Protein backbone atom coordinates (compact mmCIF):
# COMPACT_ATOMS: atom_id res chain seq x y z
CA MET A 1 9.50 -18.69 -1.24
CA ALA A 2 8.09 -22.02 -2.67
CA GLN A 3 4.54 -21.48 -4.27
CA ASP A 4 3.31 -25.01 -2.87
CA LYS A 5 4.09 -23.99 0.76
CA PRO A 6 1.36 -21.81 2.35
CA ASP A 7 2.61 -18.12 3.22
CA PHE A 8 1.81 -17.92 7.01
CA SER A 9 2.54 -14.38 7.41
CA ALA A 10 0.32 -13.56 4.32
CA LEU A 11 -2.33 -15.71 5.85
CA VAL A 12 -2.02 -13.77 9.38
CA GLY A 13 -2.22 -10.39 7.48
CA SER A 14 -5.17 -11.47 5.80
CA ARG A 15 -6.64 -12.51 8.85
CA ILE A 16 -6.13 -9.56 10.81
CA CYS A 17 -7.42 -7.15 8.19
CA HIS A 18 -10.55 -9.39 7.63
CA ASP A 19 -11.13 -9.39 11.44
CA LEU A 20 -10.71 -5.65 11.87
CA ILE A 21 -12.50 -4.20 8.65
CA SER A 22 -15.96 -5.18 10.14
CA PRO A 23 -15.67 -3.30 13.32
CA ILE A 24 -14.33 -0.27 11.61
CA GLY A 25 -17.02 -0.53 9.12
CA ALA A 26 -19.72 -0.83 11.82
CA ILE A 27 -18.09 2.38 13.56
CA GLY A 28 -18.67 4.40 10.00
CA ASN A 29 -22.30 2.87 9.90
CA GLY A 30 -23.03 4.33 13.38
CA LEU A 31 -21.79 7.71 12.67
CA GLU A 32 -23.72 7.63 9.53
CA LEU A 33 -26.75 7.04 11.88
CA MET A 34 -25.86 9.69 14.16
CA ARG A 35 -25.83 12.12 11.07
CA LEU A 36 -29.14 10.98 10.00
CA THR A 37 -30.67 11.96 13.24
CA GLY A 38 -28.87 15.24 13.49
CA GLN A 39 -26.30 14.27 16.09
CA GLY A 40 -23.42 14.02 13.59
CA ASP A 41 -22.36 17.75 12.64
CA THR A 42 -20.04 18.36 15.75
CA PRO A 43 -16.02 18.63 15.57
CA GLU A 44 -15.93 15.43 17.53
CA ILE A 45 -17.97 13.51 15.33
CA ALA A 46 -16.06 14.86 12.03
CA LEU A 47 -12.75 13.67 13.79
CA ILE A 48 -14.20 10.04 14.62
CA SER A 49 -15.53 9.93 11.02
CA ALA A 50 -12.30 10.99 9.33
CA SER A 51 -10.21 8.56 11.58
CA ALA A 52 -12.77 5.54 10.66
CA GLY A 53 -12.56 6.43 6.95
CA ASP A 54 -8.59 6.59 7.18
CA ALA A 55 -8.38 3.02 9.25
CA SER A 56 -10.78 1.17 6.66
CA ALA A 57 -8.69 2.61 3.86
CA ARG A 58 -5.28 1.71 5.44
CA ILE A 59 -6.79 -1.78 6.41
CA ARG A 60 -7.87 -2.37 2.69
CA PHE A 61 -4.50 -1.28 1.43
CA TYR A 62 -2.48 -3.47 3.90
CA ARG A 63 -4.88 -6.49 3.31
CA ILE A 64 -3.65 -6.44 -0.54
CA ALA A 65 -0.04 -5.39 0.64
CA PHE A 66 0.28 -7.93 3.09
CA GLY A 67 -2.56 -10.44 2.72
CA GLN A 68 -3.16 -13.72 0.77
CA GLY A 69 -4.21 -13.45 -2.67
CA GLY A 70 -5.61 -16.06 -4.86
CA ARG A 71 -3.92 -16.82 -8.39
CA GLY A 72 -5.84 -14.76 -10.96
CA GLN A 73 -7.61 -12.23 -8.79
CA LYS A 74 -7.75 -8.97 -10.16
CA VAL A 75 -8.37 -5.49 -8.59
CA ALA A 76 -10.55 -2.99 -10.34
CA ASN A 77 -9.53 0.29 -11.48
CA GLY A 78 -12.79 1.58 -9.92
CA GLU A 79 -11.57 -0.02 -6.60
CA LEU A 80 -8.26 1.13 -6.76
CA ARG A 81 -8.17 4.73 -7.58
CA PRO A 82 -10.81 5.56 -4.67
CA LEU A 83 -8.68 3.43 -2.27
CA LEU A 84 -5.65 5.62 -3.13
CA ALA A 85 -7.69 8.81 -2.97
CA ALA A 86 -8.81 7.85 0.56
CA LEU A 87 -5.38 7.22 1.80
CA SER A 88 -4.14 10.49 0.25
CA GLU A 89 -6.97 12.56 1.81
CA GLY A 90 -5.31 14.88 4.45
CA ALA A 91 -2.03 12.67 4.29
CA ARG A 92 1.69 14.28 3.66
CA VAL A 93 2.03 11.87 1.04
CA ARG A 94 -0.24 11.45 -2.08
CA LEU A 95 -0.42 8.28 -3.69
CA ARG A 96 -1.31 8.47 -7.40
CA CYS A 97 -2.39 5.78 -10.11
CA GLN A 98 -1.26 6.51 -13.78
CA HIS A 99 -2.70 3.37 -14.89
CA ASP A 100 -6.13 2.41 -16.52
CA GLY A 101 -7.74 -1.05 -16.21
CA ASP A 102 -7.78 -3.72 -13.83
CA VAL A 103 -4.51 -4.91 -11.98
CA ALA A 104 -3.84 -8.49 -10.93
CA ARG A 105 -3.54 -8.75 -7.40
CA ASP A 106 -0.31 -10.36 -6.99
CA GLU A 107 1.13 -7.57 -9.14
CA LEU A 108 -0.65 -5.03 -6.91
CA ARG A 109 0.87 -6.53 -3.95
CA ALA A 110 4.28 -5.61 -5.27
CA VAL A 111 3.24 -2.31 -6.30
CA PHE A 112 1.74 -1.40 -2.86
CA LEU A 113 4.85 -2.77 -1.05
CA ALA A 114 6.87 -0.77 -3.33
CA MET A 115 4.92 2.63 -2.82
CA MET A 116 5.49 2.07 0.91
CA CYS A 117 9.18 1.81 0.45
CA VAL A 118 9.11 5.12 -1.67
CA GLU A 119 6.91 6.59 0.78
CA SER A 120 9.55 6.15 3.56
CA ALA A 121 11.84 8.28 1.50
CA LEU A 122 9.56 11.15 1.76
CA PRO A 123 9.91 12.58 5.42
CA ARG A 124 8.49 15.97 4.19
CA GLY A 125 5.67 14.67 2.05
CA GLY A 126 5.29 14.15 -1.73
CA THR A 127 3.48 12.12 -4.28
CA VAL A 128 4.26 8.51 -4.98
CA THR A 129 3.15 7.49 -8.42
CA MET A 130 2.49 4.05 -9.72
CA ARG A 131 2.40 3.28 -13.80
CA ALA A 132 2.69 0.37 -16.12
CA SER A 133 5.34 0.99 -18.56
CA GLY A 134 6.96 -1.47 -21.23
CA GLY A 135 5.57 -4.49 -19.40
CA ARG A 136 7.12 -3.25 -16.05
CA TRP A 137 5.71 -1.42 -13.20
CA VAL A 138 7.37 1.71 -12.05
CA ILE A 139 6.88 3.47 -8.67
CA ALA A 140 8.20 6.69 -8.32
CA ALA A 141 8.74 9.78 -6.43
CA ALA A 142 10.72 13.17 -6.85
CA ASP A 143 13.13 14.83 -4.49
CA CYS A 144 13.56 11.87 -1.99
CA PRO A 145 16.95 11.06 -0.58
CA ALA A 146 16.78 7.17 0.00
CA PRO A 147 17.60 6.27 3.83
CA PRO A 148 20.58 3.88 3.45
CA LYS A 149 20.06 0.71 5.75
CA PRO A 150 16.29 -0.25 4.22
CA TRP A 151 17.61 0.61 0.72
CA ALA A 152 20.27 -1.89 0.79
CA GLU A 153 17.89 -4.70 1.92
CA LEU A 154 16.08 -3.89 -1.36
CA ALA A 155 19.49 -4.01 -3.13
CA GLY A 156 20.16 -7.62 -2.04
CA GLU A 157 22.66 -6.68 0.77
CA GLY A 158 20.99 -8.85 3.00
CA LEU A 159 20.18 -6.20 6.05
CA THR A 160 17.38 -7.13 8.29
CA PRO A 161 15.04 -4.21 8.59
CA GLY A 162 12.73 -3.69 11.95
CA PRO A 163 8.98 -4.05 12.26
CA GLY A 164 8.41 -0.53 10.69
CA GLN A 165 10.27 -1.41 7.56
CA VAL A 166 8.91 -4.92 6.76
CA GLU A 167 8.03 -4.01 3.32
CA PHE A 168 11.72 -3.94 2.47
CA ALA A 169 12.12 -7.26 3.27
CA LEU A 170 8.78 -8.56 1.53
CA LEU A 171 8.92 -6.70 -1.78
CA PRO A 172 12.23 -8.63 -3.04
CA GLN A 173 10.42 -11.98 -2.30
CA VAL A 174 6.80 -10.99 -3.77
CA VAL A 175 8.90 -9.43 -7.01
CA ALA A 176 10.77 -13.04 -7.24
CA ASP A 177 7.56 -15.05 -7.03
CA LEU A 178 6.26 -12.82 -9.86
CA GLY A 179 9.33 -13.85 -11.81
CA ARG A 180 10.46 -10.51 -12.13
CA GLN A 181 13.48 -8.27 -11.28
CA LEU A 182 13.38 -5.85 -9.01
CA SER A 183 15.38 -2.41 -10.01
CA ILE A 184 16.03 0.58 -8.08
CA ALA A 185 17.06 3.99 -9.57
CA GLN A 186 17.53 7.59 -8.53
CA PRO A 187 16.98 9.76 -11.42
CA GLU A 188 17.67 13.55 -10.86
CA GLY A 189 17.15 13.23 -7.07
CA GLY A 190 14.12 11.20 -7.22
CA LEU A 191 13.52 7.66 -6.68
CA GLU A 192 12.15 4.78 -8.69
CA ILE A 193 11.36 1.15 -8.04
CA SER A 194 10.57 -1.03 -11.13
CA PHE A 195 9.88 -4.71 -11.66
């Protein structure tokens, strides 16, 4: 993908996330006001609150994974770790960061797409870990057999994934835009994507 042409899919992703985060934030604020007046201690309010928190975290995650980020932008570790913790709360798949310091947003976009790919190979749940090692990012999980079709897309075999697997089509492009080489390995029954 040429760097001088606009990435319209990323711009659309950014726009959707931008437009949805405000109303979801307003729901959270409304629930907080209800709690302050003593109306927020019911199971129904707790369910709405948990759902709004999950939706907010997912939109922030998707904004980085699918949205347009400017060159040179960084995501602070103090923002990254709470985001992954919020996504992991009550989820079958936990997302972990073994990296200290800020992360370039364009690199984090690739990391998040890779995390989504690895997450899809954990039907019973597990933990997906991101770490930087030797100048490369490694996104890994244990005990996860890889589904054949989307992983062939990552391996460059030209298969077209469906809408629920768009991360498999985007990841190779995003990694190539970084000037890096994408690698897939299955050490001891686990799964690693690195670039």
